[in-house]
Amino acid sequence: MSVVPDPEEIGEDTDEMCPQCPILEPGGGSEESESESEEEELWRCPACCKDFKSEGQMANHEKSRKHKEQWKKYEKRQAQIRKELQS
């Protein structure tokens, strides 16, 4: 039989989870760190449905043969959607 430790025995500076349940032990760090709370900036290619972490990666992607082929298909689909919406 496992016993949940007494919170006074653990101390105030622990960030451990209770082994029996998803409750943060006393002194738990429920605050998010700055790096976790900041959202990463992403660049998205709508034609290829890909995300990139930097503008440079996106620029390189846009030069690729696969992207150019997908972009043509994407433009055709968008034109067809616009045409259907207008009618």
N, C-alpha and C. Protein backbone atom coordinates (compact mmCIF):
# COMPACT_ATOMS: atom_id res chain seq x y z
N MET A 1 0.84 -1.16 0.00
CA MET A 1 0.00 0.00 0.00
C MET A 1 0.89 1.22 0.00
N SER A 2 0.66 2.15 -0.95
CA SER A 2 1.48 3.36 -1.01
C SER A 2 0.78 4.46 -0.24
N VAL A 3 1.57 5.28 0.38
CA VAL A 3 1.05 6.35 1.21
C VAL A 3 1.45 7.68 0.60
N VAL A 4 0.50 8.61 0.50
CA VAL A 4 0.78 9.94 0.01
C VAL A 4 1.56 10.67 1.10
N PRO A 5 2.72 11.25 0.75
CA PRO A 5 3.51 11.92 1.78
C PRO A 5 2.80 13.12 2.37
N ASP A 6 3.08 13.37 3.63
CA ASP A 6 2.51 14.52 4.34
C ASP A 6 3.08 15.79 3.72
N PRO A 7 2.24 16.76 3.34
CA PRO A 7 2.75 18.00 2.72
C PRO A 7 3.78 18.72 3.56
N GLU A 8 3.67 18.63 4.89
CA GLU A 8 4.65 19.28 5.74
C GLU A 8 6.02 18.62 5.64
N GLU A 9 6.04 17.30 5.35
CA GLU A 9 7.31 16.59 5.20
C GLU A 9 7.97 16.95 3.88
N ILE A 10 7.18 17.26 2.88
CA ILE A 10 7.72 17.56 1.55
C ILE A 10 8.40 18.91 1.54
N GLY A 11 7.82 19.89 2.19
CA GLY A 11 8.38 21.24 2.17
C GLY A 11 7.66 22.10 1.17
N GLU A 12 7.98 23.38 1.17
CA GLU A 12 7.29 24.34 0.32
C GLU A 12 7.88 24.49 -1.07
N ASP A 13 9.09 24.00 -1.34
CA ASP A 13 9.76 24.29 -2.60
C ASP A 13 9.71 23.16 -3.60
N THR A 14 8.82 22.21 -3.48
CA THR A 14 8.79 21.11 -4.42
C THR A 14 7.77 21.34 -5.52
N ASP A 15 8.04 20.80 -6.69
CA ASP A 15 7.14 20.88 -7.83
C ASP A 15 6.73 19.49 -8.27
N GLU A 16 6.73 18.53 -7.36
CA GLU A 16 6.46 17.14 -7.71
C GLU A 16 4.97 16.86 -7.76
N MET A 17 4.59 15.96 -8.67
CA MET A 17 3.21 15.54 -8.76
C MET A 17 2.97 14.43 -7.75
N CYS A 18 1.77 14.37 -7.24
CA CYS A 18 1.38 13.30 -6.35
C CYS A 18 1.42 12.00 -7.13
N PRO A 19 2.03 10.93 -6.60
CA PRO A 19 2.13 9.68 -7.36
C PRO A 19 0.78 8.99 -7.59
N GLN A 20 -0.23 9.29 -6.76
CA GLN A 20 -1.52 8.62 -6.88
C GLN A 20 -2.54 9.42 -7.70
N CYS A 21 -2.36 10.71 -7.80
CA CYS A 21 -3.37 11.52 -8.50
C CYS A 21 -2.70 12.71 -9.18
N PRO A 22 -3.40 13.35 -10.10
CA PRO A 22 -2.79 14.46 -10.84
C PRO A 22 -2.85 15.79 -10.09
N ILE A 23 -2.52 15.76 -8.79
CA ILE A 23 -2.53 16.98 -8.00
C ILE A 23 -1.09 17.40 -7.74
N LEU A 24 -0.82 18.66 -7.99
CA LEU A 24 0.51 19.19 -7.74
C LEU A 24 0.70 19.31 -6.24
N GLU A 25 1.84 18.84 -5.78
CA GLU A 25 2.14 18.89 -4.35
C GLU A 25 2.34 20.33 -3.91
N PRO A 26 2.26 20.60 -2.62
CA PRO A 26 2.44 21.96 -2.10
C PRO A 26 3.72 22.60 -2.62
N GLY A 27 3.64 23.91 -2.87
CA GLY A 27 4.80 24.62 -3.40
C GLY A 27 4.94 24.43 -4.90
N GLY A 28 3.93 23.86 -5.51
CA GLY A 28 3.99 23.54 -6.93
C GLY A 28 4.10 24.77 -7.80
N GLY A 29 4.77 24.62 -8.91
CA GLY A 29 4.97 25.73 -9.83
C GLY A 29 3.92 25.74 -10.90
N SER A 30 2.75 26.28 -10.60
CA SER A 30 1.69 26.32 -11.60
C SER A 30 1.87 27.46 -12.58
N GLU A 31 2.76 28.42 -12.26
CA GLU A 31 3.00 29.52 -13.18
C GLU A 31 3.82 29.01 -14.36
N GLU A 32 3.46 29.49 -15.56
CA GLU A 32 4.22 29.11 -16.75
C GLU A 32 5.50 29.92 -16.82
N SER A 33 6.55 29.30 -17.33
CA SER A 33 7.78 30.05 -17.51
C SER A 33 7.61 30.98 -18.71
N GLU A 34 8.46 31.98 -18.81
CA GLU A 34 8.33 32.94 -19.91
C GLU A 34 8.43 32.27 -21.26
N SER A 35 9.34 31.29 -21.39
CA SER A 35 9.52 30.65 -22.69
C SER A 35 8.29 29.83 -23.08
N GLU A 36 7.58 29.25 -22.09
CA GLU A 36 6.39 28.48 -22.41
C GLU A 36 5.21 29.38 -22.76
N SER A 37 5.14 30.55 -22.12
CA SER A 37 4.00 31.42 -22.36
C SER A 37 4.12 32.21 -23.65
N GLU A 38 5.33 32.41 -24.11
CA GLU A 38 5.52 33.12 -25.38
C GLU A 38 5.22 32.16 -26.52
N GLU A 39 4.39 32.60 -27.44
CA GLU A 39 4.07 31.76 -28.58
C GLU A 39 5.15 31.92 -29.64
N GLU A 40 5.52 30.80 -30.26
CA GLU A 40 6.49 30.86 -31.34
C GLU A 40 5.83 31.48 -32.56
N GLU A 41 6.58 32.30 -33.26
CA GLU A 41 6.07 32.88 -34.49
C GLU A 41 6.29 31.87 -35.60
N LEU A 42 5.23 31.56 -36.33
CA LEU A 42 5.31 30.58 -37.40
C LEU A 42 4.90 31.21 -38.72
N TRP A 43 5.52 30.74 -39.78
CA TRP A 43 5.14 31.12 -41.14
C TRP A 43 4.49 29.89 -41.74
N ARG A 44 3.34 30.07 -42.39
CA ARG A 44 2.58 28.95 -42.95
C ARG A 44 2.44 29.10 -44.45
N CYS A 45 2.70 28.02 -45.14
CA CYS A 45 2.46 27.96 -46.58
C CYS A 45 1.08 27.34 -46.77
N PRO A 46 0.10 28.12 -47.24
CA PRO A 46 -1.25 27.58 -47.38
C PRO A 46 -1.37 26.53 -48.48
N ALA A 47 -0.52 26.61 -49.48
CA ALA A 47 -0.58 25.66 -50.59
C ALA A 47 -0.07 24.28 -50.17
N CYS A 48 0.97 24.27 -49.37
CA CYS A 48 1.60 23.00 -48.97
C CYS A 48 1.19 22.54 -47.57
N CYS A 49 0.48 23.41 -46.85
CA CYS A 49 0.07 23.12 -45.47
C CYS A 49 1.27 22.78 -44.59
N LYS A 50 2.30 23.62 -44.69
CA LYS A 50 3.51 23.42 -43.89
C LYS A 50 3.78 24.68 -43.07
N ASP A 51 4.33 24.46 -41.87
CA ASP A 51 4.71 25.56 -40.99
C ASP A 51 6.23 25.67 -40.94
N PHE A 52 6.71 26.90 -40.83
CA PHE A 52 8.15 27.15 -40.76
C PHE A 52 8.44 28.06 -39.58
N LYS A 53 9.59 27.87 -38.95
CA LYS A 53 9.95 28.62 -37.75
C LYS A 53 10.63 29.94 -38.06
N SER A 54 11.05 30.13 -39.30
CA SER A 54 11.70 31.40 -39.63
C SER A 54 11.29 31.85 -41.03
N GLU A 55 11.46 33.14 -41.24
CA GLU A 55 11.14 33.71 -42.55
C GLU A 55 12.08 33.15 -43.62
N GLY A 56 13.32 32.88 -43.24
CA GLY A 56 14.29 32.32 -44.17
C GLY A 56 13.89 30.93 -44.64
N GLN A 57 13.40 30.11 -43.72
CA GLN A 57 12.93 28.78 -44.09
C GLN A 57 11.76 28.88 -45.07
N MET A 58 10.88 29.82 -44.81
CA MET A 58 9.73 30.02 -45.69
C MET A 58 10.19 30.46 -47.07
N ALA A 59 11.14 31.39 -47.10
CA ALA A 59 11.65 31.88 -48.39
C ALA A 59 12.30 30.74 -49.18
N ASN A 60 13.08 29.91 -48.51
CA ASN A 60 13.70 28.76 -49.19
C ASN A 60 12.63 27.81 -49.71
N HIS A 61 11.61 27.57 -48.91
CA HIS A 61 10.52 26.68 -49.31
C HIS A 61 9.84 27.21 -50.57
N GLU A 62 9.60 28.52 -50.60
CA GLU A 62 8.90 29.12 -51.75
C GLU A 62 9.68 28.99 -53.05
N LYS A 63 10.98 28.77 -52.96
CA LYS A 63 11.82 28.60 -54.15
C LYS A 63 11.82 27.16 -54.65
N SER A 64 11.31 26.24 -53.86
CA SER A 64 11.40 24.82 -54.22
C SER A 64 10.43 24.45 -55.34
N ARG A 65 10.78 23.42 -56.09
CA ARG A 65 9.96 22.93 -57.19
C ARG A 65 8.62 22.40 -56.67
N LYS A 66 8.66 21.65 -55.58
CA LYS A 66 7.41 21.09 -55.03
C LYS A 66 6.43 22.20 -54.62
N HIS A 67 6.95 23.26 -54.00
CA HIS A 67 6.08 24.36 -53.61
C HIS A 67 5.47 25.02 -54.84
N LYS A 68 6.27 25.26 -55.86
CA LYS A 68 5.76 25.92 -57.06
C LYS A 68 4.66 25.10 -57.72
N GLU A 69 4.81 23.77 -57.73
CA GLU A 69 3.78 22.89 -58.30
C GLU A 69 2.51 22.96 -57.45
N GLN A 70 2.68 22.90 -56.12
CA GLN A 70 1.53 22.97 -55.22
C GLN A 70 0.84 24.33 -55.31
N TRP A 71 1.64 25.40 -55.49
CA TRP A 71 1.07 26.74 -55.56
C TRP A 71 0.14 26.88 -56.77
N LYS A 72 0.54 26.30 -57.90
CA LYS A 72 -0.32 26.35 -59.09
C LYS A 72 -1.65 25.66 -58.82
N LYS A 73 -1.60 24.49 -58.19
CA LYS A 73 -2.83 23.76 -57.85
C LYS A 73 -3.67 24.57 -56.86
N TYR A 74 -3.02 25.18 -55.90
CA TYR A 74 -3.69 25.98 -54.88
C TYR A 74 -4.41 27.16 -55.52
N GLU A 75 -3.73 27.86 -56.43
CA GLU A 75 -4.36 29.00 -57.11
C GLU A 75 -5.59 28.57 -57.90
N LYS A 76 -5.50 27.41 -58.56
CA LYS A 76 -6.65 26.92 -59.32
C LYS A 76 -7.82 26.61 -58.40
N ARG A 77 -7.54 25.97 -57.25
CA ARG A 77 -8.60 25.65 -56.29
C ARG A 77 -9.23 26.93 -55.75
N GLN A 78 -8.41 27.92 -55.44
CA GLN A 78 -8.93 29.18 -54.91
C GLN A 78 -9.80 29.89 -55.94
N ALA A 79 -9.37 29.88 -57.19
CA ALA A 79 -10.16 30.52 -58.26
C ALA A 79 -11.50 29.81 -58.42
N GLN A 80 -11.48 28.47 -58.33
CA GLN A 80 -12.72 27.71 -58.45
C GLN A 80 -13.65 28.02 -57.27
N ILE A 81 -13.12 28.12 -56.09
CA ILE A 81 -13.93 28.44 -54.91
C ILE A 81 -14.55 29.83 -55.05
N ARG A 82 -13.75 30.80 -55.46
CA ARG A 82 -14.27 32.16 -55.67
C ARG A 82 -15.39 32.17 -56.71
N LYS A 83 -15.20 31.43 -57.77
CA LYS A 83 -16.21 31.36 -58.83
C LYS A 83 -17.51 30.75 -58.30
N GLU A 84 -17.40 29.67 -57.51
CA GLU A 84 -18.58 29.03 -56.93
C GLU A 84 -19.30 29.96 -55.95
N LEU A 85 -18.55 30.72 -55.21
CA LEU A 85 -19.15 31.64 -54.23
C LEU A 85 -19.88 32.80 -54.91
N GLN A 86 -19.41 33.19 -56.08
CA GLN A 86 -20.02 34.29 -56.80
C GLN A 86 -21.32 33.88 -57.49
N SER A 87 -21.46 32.61 -57.78
CA SER A 87 -22.66 32.18 -58.50
C SER A 87 -23.78 31.77 -57.58
